[in-house]
């Protein structure tokens, strides 16, 4: 071993370079179910009720967000309270999958699925990047403290929001 290589590694064998994170090396459609699910940052934004009308030609109009959350969303954790059985209680709950991302224009601009679909990287507050599942809340990127359950809400039109992170 030369003096140069020994000095660089302090006598320890050189470590192989860190592998790139799976979300940077694996196409969305090639991810395992575990990888796919781990992309969810737990913000709860996709669980907010949205309003979208059609114009006179039947084309969808702009998506309007509300601060009304699905009844299954735990407002403290921003997680579904019955994720495995959600379709039993909310039949129109949207299942995200790679093939659907092109038409789901209502996904928040901060959504990991949308970001990766658009060729962007995950933000530093994303739990996969930070290693901490609470950074999404600490960064103010979740709906925690900003929404009401549909069980307590009146008409959705009373709860329209224009949050910059939607």
Protein backbone atom coordinates (compact mmCIF):
# COMPACT_ATOMS: atom_id res chain seq x y z
CA UNK A 1 0.00 0.00 0.00
CA UNK A 2 1.39 3.39 -0.88
CA UNK A 3 1.72 6.19 1.64
CA UNK A 4 -0.86 8.20 -0.27
CA UNK A 5 -3.61 5.60 -0.19
CA UNK A 6 -2.88 4.73 3.43
CA UNK A 7 -3.10 8.38 4.43
CA UNK A 8 -6.41 8.84 2.63
CA UNK A 9 -8.02 5.94 4.43
CA UNK A 10 -6.16 6.21 7.75
CA UNK A 11 -4.92 2.67 7.24
CA UNK A 12 -8.47 1.29 6.94
CA UNK A 13 -9.55 -0.42 3.76
CA UNK A 14 -11.25 1.97 1.37
CA UNK A 15 -15.05 1.79 1.50
CA UNK A 16 -16.96 1.41 -1.71
CA UNK A 17 -18.82 4.56 -2.70
CA UNK A 18 -22.33 4.90 -1.28
CA UNK A 19 -25.03 3.58 -3.55
CA UNK A 20 -27.40 6.13 -4.99
CA UNK A 21 -30.84 6.03 -3.35
CA UNK A 22 -33.36 3.77 -5.07
CA UNK A 23 -35.58 6.69 -6.13
CA UNK A 24 -32.69 8.06 -8.19
CA UNK A 25 -31.85 4.76 -9.87
CA UNK A 26 -35.16 2.91 -10.21
CA UNK A 27 -37.92 3.89 -12.60
CA UNK A 28 -41.27 4.41 -10.90
CA UNK A 29 -42.81 1.50 -12.78
CA UNK A 30 -39.95 -0.80 -11.70
CA UNK A 31 -40.15 -0.09 -7.97
CA UNK A 32 -41.11 -2.80 -5.52
CA UNK A 33 -44.33 -2.25 -3.58
CA UNK A 34 -42.23 -1.40 -0.51
CA UNK A 35 -40.20 1.19 -2.42
CA UNK A 36 -43.35 2.67 -3.95
CA UNK A 37 -45.12 3.01 -0.60
CA UNK A 38 -42.03 4.53 1.03
CA UNK A 39 -42.18 7.43 -1.45
CA UNK A 40 -45.23 8.76 0.36
CA UNK A 41 -44.00 11.55 2.63
CA UNK A 42 -47.08 11.42 4.87
CA UNK A 43 -48.17 14.99 4.15
CA UNK A 44 -51.87 14.09 3.82
CA UNK A 45 -52.45 16.53 0.95
CA UNK A 46 -53.75 13.86 -1.40
CA UNK A 47 -56.42 13.07 1.23
CA UNK A 48 -57.92 16.56 1.02
CA UNK A 49 -61.20 16.91 -0.83
CA UNK A 50 -60.91 18.74 -4.11
CA UNK A 51 -63.48 20.39 -6.33
CA UNK A 52 -63.25 20.24 -10.10
CA UNK A 53 -66.01 21.24 -12.46
CA UNK A 54 -66.28 20.97 -16.22
CA UNK A 55 -66.44 23.85 -18.66
CA UNK A 56 -69.19 24.24 -21.26
CA UNK A 57 -67.37 21.76 -23.53
CA UNK A 58 -67.13 19.11 -20.82
CA UNK A 59 -63.41 19.63 -20.19
CA UNK A 60 -62.20 19.57 -16.59
CA UNK A 61 -61.50 22.96 -15.07
CA UNK A 62 -58.88 23.97 -12.52
CA UNK A 63 -58.67 21.79 -9.41
CA UNK A 64 -59.67 23.68 -6.27
CA UNK A 65 -58.34 22.37 -2.98
CA UNK A 66 -60.21 22.42 0.30
CA UNK A 67 -59.03 22.05 3.88
CA UNK A 68 -61.48 19.17 4.35
CA UNK A 69 -59.77 15.83 4.86
CA UNK A 70 -61.05 12.34 4.19
CA UNK A 71 -62.74 10.87 7.23
CA UNK A 72 -60.04 8.19 7.45
CA UNK A 73 -57.16 10.67 7.69
CA UNK A 74 -55.75 10.90 11.20
CA UNK A 75 -55.35 14.67 11.53
CA UNK A 76 -52.46 14.35 14.01
CA UNK A 77 -50.30 11.82 12.15
CA UNK A 78 -51.51 12.65 8.61
CA UNK A 79 -51.76 8.92 7.96
CA UNK A 80 -54.76 6.88 6.87
CA UNK A 81 -56.38 5.31 9.91
CA UNK A 82 -57.31 2.16 7.94
CA UNK A 83 -55.04 2.12 4.89
CA UNK A 84 -55.38 -1.61 4.20
CA UNK A 85 -59.19 -1.42 4.11
CA UNK A 86 -59.68 2.15 2.88
CA UNK A 87 -61.70 1.15 -0.20
CA UNK A 88 -64.28 -0.54 2.05
CA UNK A 89 -65.03 2.87 3.56
CA UNK A 90 -63.99 5.26 0.78
CA UNK A 91 -64.69 3.53 -2.55
CA UNK A 92 -63.43 6.52 -4.58
CA UNK A 93 -60.07 6.67 -2.79
CA UNK A 94 -57.50 7.01 -5.56
CA UNK A 95 -54.85 4.34 -5.87
CA UNK A 96 -51.58 5.83 -7.05
CA UNK A 97 -49.54 3.79 -9.49
CA UNK A 98 -46.91 4.75 -12.04
CA UNK A 99 -49.25 4.49 -15.02
CA UNK A 100 -51.75 6.92 -13.49
CA UNK A 101 -49.36 9.78 -12.74
CA UNK A 102 -49.70 11.43 -16.16
CA UNK A 103 -53.39 12.10 -15.62
CA UNK A 104 -53.32 12.95 -11.90
CA UNK A 105 -52.67 16.66 -12.32
CA UNK A 106 -54.14 17.39 -8.91
CA UNK A 107 -51.22 15.85 -7.03
CA UNK A 108 -49.52 18.55 -4.94
CA UNK A 109 -46.39 20.08 -6.42
CA UNK A 110 -44.44 18.74 -3.43
CA UNK A 111 -45.64 15.13 -3.89
CA UNK A 112 -42.75 12.67 -4.27
CA UNK A 113 -44.61 10.68 -6.93
CA UNK A 114 -45.17 13.83 -8.98
CA UNK A 115 -41.63 15.13 -8.44
CA UNK A 116 -40.04 11.88 -9.59
CA UNK A 117 -42.45 11.57 -12.52
CA UNK A 118 -41.35 15.08 -13.57
CA UNK A 119 -37.67 14.09 -13.30
CA UNK A 120 -37.03 16.09 -10.13
CA UNK A 121 -35.41 14.93 -6.89
CA UNK A 122 -36.93 14.66 -3.44
CA UNK A 123 -36.69 17.70 -1.15
CA UNK A 124 -34.48 17.66 1.93
CA UNK A 125 -37.51 17.44 4.26
CA UNK A 126 -38.73 14.20 2.66
CA UNK A 127 -38.44 11.35 5.19
CA UNK A 128 -36.40 9.21 2.76
CA UNK A 129 -33.83 12.01 2.47
CA UNK A 130 -33.85 13.20 6.09
CA UNK A 131 -34.19 9.77 7.69
CA UNK A 132 -36.84 11.27 9.99
CA UNK A 133 -40.57 10.75 9.37
CA UNK A 134 -41.41 13.97 11.21
CA UNK A 135 -39.49 16.37 8.95
CA UNK A 136 -42.50 16.70 6.63
CA UNK A 137 -44.39 18.21 9.58
CA UNK A 138 -41.46 20.23 10.94
CA UNK A 139 -41.01 21.81 7.50
CA UNK A 140 -44.69 22.78 7.42
CA UNK A 141 -45.31 20.62 4.35
CA UNK A 142 -48.13 18.50 5.80
CA UNK A 143 -51.78 19.27 6.48
CA UNK A 144 -51.25 18.83 10.23
CA UNK A 145 -53.10 21.62 12.02
CA UNK A 146 -54.53 23.01 8.77
CA UNK A 147 -57.56 20.86 8.02
CA UNK A 148 -60.86 19.57 9.32
CA UNK A 149 -62.35 16.09 8.99
CA UNK A 150 -65.19 15.65 6.52
CA UNK A 151 -67.18 14.35 9.50
CA UNK A 152 -67.29 17.90 10.91
CA UNK A 153 -67.30 19.98 7.73
CA UNK A 154 -70.18 21.76 6.08
CA UNK A 155 -70.31 22.32 2.33
CA UNK A 156 -66.88 22.01 0.70
CA UNK A 157 -67.17 25.47 -0.84
CA UNK A 158 -66.76 26.95 2.66
CA UNK A 159 -63.28 25.44 2.96
CA UNK A 160 -61.49 26.45 -0.24
CA UNK A 161 -57.77 27.05 0.30
CA UNK A 162 -54.91 28.37 -1.78
CA UNK A 163 -51.86 27.13 0.09
CA UNK A 164 -48.56 27.77 -1.70
CA UNK A 165 -47.42 24.18 -1.21
CA UNK A 166 -50.34 22.60 -3.07
